[in-house]
Amino acid sequence: MDLARINAYFFPFMIFFISLSTLIVIYVGGLKVEAGTISPGNIAEFIIYVNMLILAADLYRVDCFIGAASGCCLSGTIKLLIQSNIGNSAG
């Protein structure tokens, strides 16, 4: 129950701050484009990087909720994948 409560508070805060950072990038980037120091493509590139954080956080959250029933999370899943790959390459 504690994991669900932590995720219930943590994930919305994280999405809020990532969205806020996107707004800051658009504002500051717009000023830089007006000044001629960067191109609009640089802004788009950085926004894509920020949105990758959202995707990574969402995948981690889904993995933790699925793994919570079996007592494992992302680290347990990675360990299981490594062990299965070692077993497959040995034979």
C-alpha atoms as a PDB file:
ATOM      1  CA  MET A   1       0.000   0.000   0.000  1.00  0.00           C
ATOM      2  CA  ASP A   2       2.885   2.373   0.713  1.00  0.00           C
ATOM      3  CA  LEU A   3       4.308   1.935  -2.803  1.00  0.00           C
ATOM      4  CA  ALA A   4       0.955   2.883  -4.319  1.00  0.00           C
ATOM      5  CA  ARG A   5       0.736   5.974  -2.095  1.00  0.00           C
ATOM      6  CA  ILE A   6       4.276   7.075  -2.993  1.00  0.00           C
ATOM      7  CA  ASN A   7       3.586   6.595  -6.716  1.00  0.00           C
ATOM      8  CA  ALA A   8       0.284   8.450  -6.377  1.00  0.00           C
ATOM      9  CA  TYR A   9       2.124  11.532  -5.093  1.00  0.00           C
ATOM     10  CA  PHE A  10       5.434  11.253  -6.920  1.00  0.00           C
ATOM     11  CA  PHE A  11       4.326  10.740 -10.508  1.00  0.00           C
ATOM     12  CA  PRO A  12       2.014  13.784 -10.783  1.00  0.00           C
ATOM     13  CA  PHE A  13       4.704  16.016  -9.263  1.00  0.00           C
ATOM     14  CA  MET A  14       7.260  14.681 -11.694  1.00  0.00           C
ATOM     15  CA  ILE A  15       4.959  15.244 -14.684  1.00  0.00           C
ATOM     16  CA  PHE A  16       4.264  18.781 -13.443  1.00  0.00           C
ATOM     17  CA  PHE A  17       7.967  19.635 -13.221  1.00  0.00           C
ATOM     18  CA  ILE A  18       8.769  18.075 -16.600  1.00  0.00           C
ATOM     19  CA  SER A  19       5.903  20.053 -18.163  1.00  0.00           C
ATOM     20  CA  LEU A  20       7.136  23.205 -16.442  1.00  0.00           C
ATOM     21  CA  SER A  21      10.594  22.591 -17.835  1.00  0.00           C
ATOM     22  CA  THR A  22       9.080  22.258 -21.328  1.00  0.00           C
ATOM     23  CA  LEU A  23       7.411  25.647 -20.928  1.00  0.00           C
ATOM     24  CA  ILE A  24      10.680  27.186 -19.758  1.00  0.00           C
ATOM     25  CA  VAL A  25      12.500  25.679 -22.748  1.00  0.00           C
ATOM     26  CA  ILE A  26       9.914  27.132 -25.137  1.00  0.00           C
ATOM     27  CA  TYR A  27      10.092  30.594 -23.532  1.00  0.00           C
ATOM     28  CA  VAL A  28      13.871  30.833 -23.207  1.00  0.00           C
ATOM     29  CA  GLY A  29      14.347  29.154 -26.580  1.00  0.00           C
ATOM     30  CA  GLY A  30      12.006  31.659 -28.203  1.00  0.00           C
ATOM     31  CA  LEU A  31      14.080  34.492 -26.798  1.00  0.00           C
ATOM     32  CA  LYS A  32      17.269  32.863 -28.088  1.00  0.00           C
ATOM     33  CA  VAL A  33      15.750  32.331 -31.556  1.00  0.00           C
ATOM     34  CA  GLU A  34      14.753  36.004 -31.650  1.00  0.00           C
ATOM     35  CA  ALA A  35      18.305  36.945 -30.718  1.00  0.00           C
ATOM     36  CA  GLY A  36      19.621  34.640 -33.448  1.00  0.00           C
ATOM     37  CA  THR A  37      21.825  32.495 -31.183  1.00  0.00           C
ATOM     38  CA  ILE A  38      20.004  29.181 -31.802  1.00  0.00           C
ATOM     39  CA  SER A  39      17.648  27.736 -34.402  1.00  0.00           C
ATOM     40  CA  PRO A  40      14.071  26.540 -33.876  1.00  0.00           C
ATOM     41  CA  GLY A  41      15.357  23.017 -34.507  1.00  0.00           C
ATOM     42  CA  ASN A  42      17.451  23.232 -31.339  1.00  0.00           C
ATOM     43  CA  ILE A  43      14.315  23.981 -29.331  1.00  0.00           C
ATOM     44  CA  ALA A  44      12.440  21.059 -30.882  1.00  0.00           C
ATOM     45  CA  GLU A  45      15.376  18.762 -30.164  1.00  0.00           C
ATOM     46  CA  PHE A  46      15.518  19.743 -26.511  1.00  0.00           C
ATOM     47  CA  ILE A  47      11.743  19.358 -26.092  1.00  0.00           C
ATOM     48  CA  ILE A  48      12.034  15.828 -27.483  1.00  0.00           C
ATOM     49  CA  TYR A  49      14.725  15.081 -24.876  1.00  0.00           C
ATOM     50  CA  VAL A  50      12.501  16.386 -22.078  1.00  0.00           C
ATOM     51  CA  ASN A  51       9.580  14.278 -23.319  1.00  0.00           C
ATOM     52  CA  MET A  52      11.817  11.198 -23.268  1.00  0.00           C
ATOM     53  CA  LEU A  53      11.963  11.687 -19.498  1.00  0.00           C
ATOM     54  CA  ILE A  54       8.193  11.374 -19.340  1.00  0.00           C
ATOM     55  CA  LEU A  55       8.270   8.144 -21.354  1.00  0.00           C
ATOM     56  CA  ALA A  56      11.006   6.641 -19.170  1.00  0.00           C
ATOM     57  CA  ALA A  57       9.160   7.578 -15.988  1.00  0.00           C
ATOM     58  CA  ASP A  58       5.911   6.111 -17.285  1.00  0.00           C
ATOM     59  CA  LEU A  59       7.555   2.819 -18.262  1.00  0.00           C
ATOM     60  CA  TYR A  60       9.176   2.590 -14.825  1.00  0.00           C
ATOM     61  CA  ARG A  61       5.848   3.260 -13.096  1.00  0.00           C
ATOM     62  CA  VAL A  62       4.032   0.572 -15.095  1.00  0.00           C
ATOM     63  CA  ASP A  63       6.841  -1.917 -14.403  1.00  0.00           C
ATOM     64  CA  CYS A  64       6.689  -1.217 -10.666  1.00  0.00           C
ATOM     65  CA  PHE A  65       2.925  -1.720 -10.509  1.00  0.00           C
ATOM     66  CA  ILE A  66       3.132  -4.980 -12.451  1.00  0.00           C
ATOM     67  CA  GLY A  67       6.112  -6.168 -10.444  1.00  0.00           C
ATOM     68  CA  ALA A  68       4.704  -5.118  -7.063  1.00  0.00           C
ATOM     69  CA  ALA A  69       2.436  -8.170  -6.987  1.00  0.00           C
ATOM     70  CA  SER A  70       5.390 -10.512  -7.363  1.00  0.00           C
ATOM     71  CA  GLY A  71       7.682  -8.500  -5.090  1.00  0.00           C
ATOM     72  CA  CYS A  72      10.031  -7.223  -7.789  1.00  0.00           C
ATOM     73  CA  CYS A  73      10.449  -4.006  -9.679  1.00  0.00           C
ATOM     74  CA  LEU A  74      12.662  -2.794 -12.511  1.00  0.00           C
ATOM     75  CA  SER A  75      15.888  -4.057 -10.936  1.00  0.00           C
ATOM     76  CA  GLY A  76      14.393  -7.513 -10.460  1.00  0.00           C
ATOM     77  CA  THR A  77      13.173  -7.563 -14.048  1.00  0.00           C
ATOM     78  CA  ILE A  78      16.605  -6.582 -15.369  1.00  0.00           C
ATOM     79  CA  LYS A  79      18.242  -9.255 -13.221  1.00  0.00           C
ATOM     80  CA  LEU A  80      15.819 -11.859 -14.576  1.00  0.00           C
ATOM     81  CA  LEU A  81      16.524 -10.825 -18.178  1.00  0.00           C
ATOM     82  CA  ILE A  82      20.285 -11.002 -17.639  1.00  0.00           C
ATOM     83  CA  GLN A  83      20.021 -14.456 -16.074  1.00  0.00           C
ATOM     84  CA  SER A  84      17.860 -15.758 -18.904  1.00  0.00           C
ATOM     85  CA  ASN A  85      20.269 -14.394 -21.527  1.00  0.00           C
ATOM     86  CA  ILE A  86      23.235 -16.004 -19.780  1.00  0.00           C
ATOM     87  CA  GLY A  87      21.364 -19.318 -19.720  1.00  0.00           C
ATOM     88  CA  ASN A  88      20.488 -19.056 -23.418  1.00  0.00           C
ATOM     89  CA  SER A  89      24.045 -18.246 -24.524  1.00  0.00           C
ATOM     90  CA  ALA A  90      25.610 -21.095 -22.518  1.00  0.00           C
ATOM     91  CA  GLY A  91      23.696 -23.816 -24.351  1.00  0.00           C
END
